[in-house]
Amino acid sequence: MDFVENVGRRSKAAGDNGDFIHVGIFSLNGYERNALYKNCGNGKLFDTGYLEGADRIEDGRGLGFLDADQDGDLDILLANYRQPARLLINHPPAETHWIRLMLRGTRSVKSAIGARVEIQHGVRKQVREISSTAGYLSGQSLYLHFGLGLDGVVDRLVVHWPSGGVEELKDLPGDCFYRVVEGEGEPTPVFGEKPRSTIVPTAEKVEK
């Protein structure tokens, strides 16, 4: 059996048998058209890459999400193999809303890695979990970002801390960046109005 150099961990030095095919600077794992999927909200996804200019033919390896232009929506940073990285800037409709959270643990680890946040706005529910990595050689922001669509308020937000504690916040205005400290209950807006909140005791189960 012939092998392709630089794919996986095969090498002559490791005693692999067969001839090796050299493909130069290219990779057989990539050079496909990128896809950008939209969640239709009904369990289906729709590829909108050709509409958004994201369907380039590249050898993409790593992917990160951040608000690069600080306008309240997430942009995409794509790292390619032996090619320049690409920054795709998101330009959503002006009437849409968002919310961003920075969690700080006290009983939990300070970075709050592993914390899970559930939000409800209007008839929709979303869930995010804090993780420092996602995908191949890719780091992620520890901030949690939620797109709210046309809803300007988060009706209910529940934080499940790694320590086992649970806190519930209510009526958070959108288009704001909040700092949520474990055990303090009321979040601190980095900008915007301060919302009302309630504490749910650790032993009490929060109904979804």
Protein backbone atom coordinates (compact mmCIF):
# COMPACT_ATOMS: atom_id res chain seq x y z
CA MET A 1 0.00 0.00 0.00
CA ASP A 2 1.27 3.45 -0.90
CA PHE A 3 1.11 6.27 1.63
CA VAL A 4 0.87 10.03 1.33
CA GLU A 5 3.62 11.97 3.11
CA ASN A 6 2.63 14.31 5.95
CA VAL A 7 -0.82 12.78 6.37
CA GLY A 8 -1.45 11.26 9.79
CA ARG A 9 1.63 9.85 11.52
CA ARG A 10 2.99 7.54 8.82
CA SER A 11 6.69 7.75 8.07
CA LYS A 12 9.50 5.52 6.81
CA ALA A 13 11.37 6.16 10.05
CA ALA A 14 8.48 4.55 11.94
CA GLY A 15 8.82 1.42 9.83
CA ASP A 16 5.75 1.92 7.64
CA ASN A 17 5.86 -0.19 4.48
CA GLY A 18 4.99 0.97 0.97
CA ASP A 19 6.00 3.85 -1.24
CA PHE A 20 5.30 7.42 -0.20
CA ILE A 21 3.60 9.86 -2.57
CA HIS A 22 4.80 13.45 -2.20
CA VAL A 23 2.05 16.08 -2.68
CA GLY A 24 4.26 19.15 -2.19
CA ILE A 25 2.83 21.98 -0.11
CA PHE A 26 -0.74 20.80 -0.62
CA SER A 27 -2.98 18.71 1.58
CA LEU A 28 -5.51 16.07 0.62
CA ASN A 29 -7.57 17.01 3.67
CA GLY A 30 -8.51 20.46 2.44
CA TYR A 31 -8.98 22.62 -0.63
CA GLU A 32 -12.71 22.19 -0.53
CA ARG A 33 -15.33 24.89 -0.68
CA ASN A 34 -16.09 26.26 2.80
CA ALA A 35 -19.63 26.09 4.11
CA LEU A 36 -21.46 28.49 6.43
CA TYR A 37 -24.64 27.03 7.90
CA LYS A 38 -27.67 28.95 9.16
CA ASN A 39 -29.79 27.40 11.89
CA CYS A 40 -33.34 27.53 10.56
CA GLY A 41 -34.79 26.92 14.04
CA ASN A 42 -36.67 23.80 12.97
CA GLY A 43 -33.93 21.23 13.36
CA LYS A 44 -32.51 21.94 9.90
CA LEU A 45 -29.43 23.79 8.68
CA PHE A 46 -29.07 25.74 5.44
CA ASP A 47 -25.75 26.51 3.76
CA THR A 48 -25.58 30.29 3.22
CA GLY A 49 -21.86 30.45 2.44
CA TYR A 50 -22.46 31.41 -1.19
CA LEU A 51 -24.62 34.33 -0.05
CA GLU A 52 -22.22 35.59 2.60
CA GLY A 53 -18.99 35.32 0.61
CA ALA A 54 -17.68 32.60 2.92
CA ASP A 55 -17.54 29.74 0.39
CA ARG A 56 -13.87 30.18 -0.55
CA ILE A 57 -11.87 27.16 -1.64
CA GLU A 58 -9.21 26.97 1.07
CA ASP A 59 -7.45 24.45 3.30
CA GLY A 60 -9.16 25.48 6.53
CA ARG A 61 -7.87 23.94 9.78
CA GLY A 62 -8.74 26.12 12.79
CA LEU A 63 -11.79 28.24 13.52
CA GLY A 64 -12.42 30.91 16.14
CA PHE A 65 -15.30 33.26 16.94
CA LEU A 66 -14.89 36.78 18.30
CA ASP A 67 -16.37 40.24 18.02
CA ALA A 68 -13.46 41.66 16.06
CA ASP A 69 -15.10 45.00 15.22
CA GLN A 70 -16.84 45.39 18.61
CA ASP A 71 -20.29 45.92 17.13
CA GLY A 72 -22.16 43.31 19.16
CA ASP A 73 -22.08 40.32 16.80
CA LEU A 74 -19.66 37.46 16.29
CA ASP A 75 -17.12 37.39 13.47
CA ILE A 76 -15.20 34.35 12.22
CA LEU A 77 -11.43 33.86 12.11
CA LEU A 78 -10.37 30.99 9.86
CA ALA A 79 -6.83 29.60 10.02
CA ASN A 80 -5.66 27.90 6.82
CA TYR A 81 -2.81 25.48 6.20
CA ARG A 82 0.11 27.39 4.66
CA GLN A 83 -2.27 30.14 3.56
CA PRO A 84 -3.17 33.50 5.07
CA ALA A 85 -5.78 33.48 7.82
CA ARG A 86 -9.18 34.90 6.91
CA LEU A 87 -11.30 37.22 9.03
CA LEU A 88 -14.97 37.15 8.04
CA ILE A 89 -16.84 40.18 9.37
CA ASN A 90 -20.50 39.73 10.23
CA HIS A 91 -23.00 42.49 9.33
CA PRO A 92 -26.42 41.50 10.73
CA PRO A 93 -29.59 43.59 10.31
CA ALA A 94 -29.65 46.67 12.53
CA GLU A 95 -32.90 45.63 14.22
CA THR A 96 -31.43 42.45 15.74
CA HIS A 97 -30.23 42.21 19.36
CA TRP A 98 -27.65 40.31 21.39
CA ILE A 99 -26.27 39.74 24.89
CA ARG A 100 -22.75 38.85 26.07
CA LEU A 101 -21.66 37.43 29.42
CA MET A 102 -18.38 37.27 31.29
CA LEU A 103 -18.65 34.78 34.17
CA ARG A 104 -16.33 34.83 37.18
CA GLY A 105 -16.27 31.95 39.64
CA THR A 106 -15.76 32.26 43.39
CA ARG A 107 -16.53 28.75 44.61
CA SER A 108 -15.87 27.51 41.07
CA VAL A 109 -12.64 28.12 39.18
CA LYS A 110 -12.25 31.82 38.45
CA SER A 111 -12.46 31.38 34.67
CA ALA A 112 -15.79 29.53 35.15
CA ILE A 113 -14.79 26.93 32.56
CA GLY A 114 -17.52 24.29 32.51
CA ALA A 115 -20.31 26.68 33.50
CA ARG A 116 -23.52 26.24 31.49
CA VAL A 117 -25.90 29.09 30.76
CA GLU A 118 -29.49 28.70 29.59
CA ILE A 119 -31.48 31.67 28.37
CA GLN A 120 -35.08 32.19 27.28
CA HIS A 121 -36.19 35.13 25.16
CA GLY A 122 -39.67 35.17 23.74
CA VAL A 123 -40.45 31.60 22.63
CA ARG A 124 -36.80 30.67 22.06
CA LYS A 125 -34.30 28.94 24.33
CA GLN A 126 -30.53 28.76 23.95
CA VAL A 127 -27.72 27.01 25.83
CA ARG A 128 -24.01 27.83 25.91
CA GLU A 129 -21.14 26.34 27.90
CA ILE A 130 -17.81 27.99 28.67
CA SER A 131 -14.89 26.17 27.07
CA SER A 132 -11.40 27.36 26.27
CA THR A 133 -11.02 25.20 23.16
CA ALA A 134 -13.19 24.09 20.25
CA GLY A 135 -11.89 22.41 17.13
CA TYR A 136 -8.41 21.62 15.88
CA LEU A 137 -5.71 23.80 17.50
CA SER A 138 -8.29 26.51 18.14
CA GLY A 139 -8.81 28.59 21.25
CA GLN A 140 -12.10 30.27 22.05
CA SER A 141 -13.13 33.34 24.00
CA LEU A 142 -14.37 32.70 27.53
CA TYR A 143 -17.19 35.19 26.94
CA LEU A 144 -20.61 33.75 26.11
CA HIS A 145 -22.43 35.45 23.26
CA PHE A 146 -26.12 34.99 22.44
CA GLY A 147 -27.92 36.35 19.40
CA LEU A 148 -31.47 37.37 20.33
CA GLY A 149 -32.92 38.13 16.92
CA LEU A 150 -35.74 40.66 17.25
CA ASP A 151 -36.12 40.09 21.01
CA GLY A 152 -34.69 43.00 22.99
CA VAL A 153 -34.87 41.37 26.44
CA VAL A 154 -33.73 38.06 27.94
CA ASP A 155 -36.74 36.96 30.00
CA ARG A 156 -34.87 34.34 32.01
CA LEU A 157 -31.23 33.39 32.36
CA VAL A 158 -30.00 30.44 34.45
CA VAL A 159 -26.31 29.88 35.30
CA HIS A 160 -25.21 26.35 36.29
CA TRP A 161 -21.84 26.85 37.96
CA PRO A 162 -19.19 24.07 38.02
CA SER A 163 -19.42 24.10 41.84
CA GLY A 164 -23.04 22.91 41.60
CA GLY A 165 -24.60 26.26 42.41
CA VAL A 166 -27.44 27.61 40.30
CA GLU A 167 -28.41 31.25 39.86
CA GLU A 168 -31.35 32.72 37.99
CA LEU A 169 -31.52 36.21 36.49
CA LYS A 170 -34.60 37.82 34.98
CA ASP A 171 -35.44 40.61 32.54
CA LEU A 172 -31.97 41.40 31.24
CA PRO A 173 -32.01 44.13 28.57
CA GLY A 174 -30.27 43.12 25.37
CA ASP A 175 -27.43 44.84 23.51
CA CYS A 176 -25.31 44.73 26.67
CA PHE A 177 -22.19 43.05 28.02
CA TYR A 178 -22.66 41.73 31.59
CA ARG A 179 -20.21 40.54 34.23
CA VAL A 180 -21.75 37.76 36.35
CA VAL A 181 -19.90 36.84 39.57
CA GLU A 182 -20.80 33.58 41.28
CA GLY A 183 -22.87 34.15 44.40
CA GLU A 184 -23.43 37.87 43.91
CA GLY A 185 -26.74 37.47 42.10
CA GLU A 186 -27.03 40.81 40.37
CA PRO A 187 -24.80 41.14 37.30
CA THR A 188 -22.76 44.23 36.54
CA PRO A 189 -23.26 45.71 33.08
CA VAL A 190 -20.08 46.69 31.36
CA PHE A 191 -22.39 49.15 29.63
CA GLY A 192 -26.17 49.53 29.72
CA GLU A 193 -28.76 49.34 32.49
CA LYS A 194 -28.50 47.06 35.49
CA PRO A 195 -31.11 44.25 35.33
CA ARG A 196 -33.21 42.74 38.09
CA SER A 197 -32.31 39.27 39.34
CA THR A 198 -33.12 36.56 41.86
CA ILE A 199 -30.92 33.95 43.52
CA VAL A 200 -31.88 30.30 43.35
CA PRO A 201 -30.44 28.32 46.34
CA THR A 202 -27.88 25.69 45.44
CA ALA A 203 -30.08 22.82 46.57
CA GLU A 204 -33.11 24.02 44.66
CA LYS A 205 -33.68 22.58 41.21
CA VAL A 206 -34.40 25.12 38.51
CA GLU A 207 -37.22 23.97 36.26
CA LYS A 208 -36.68 24.46 32.55
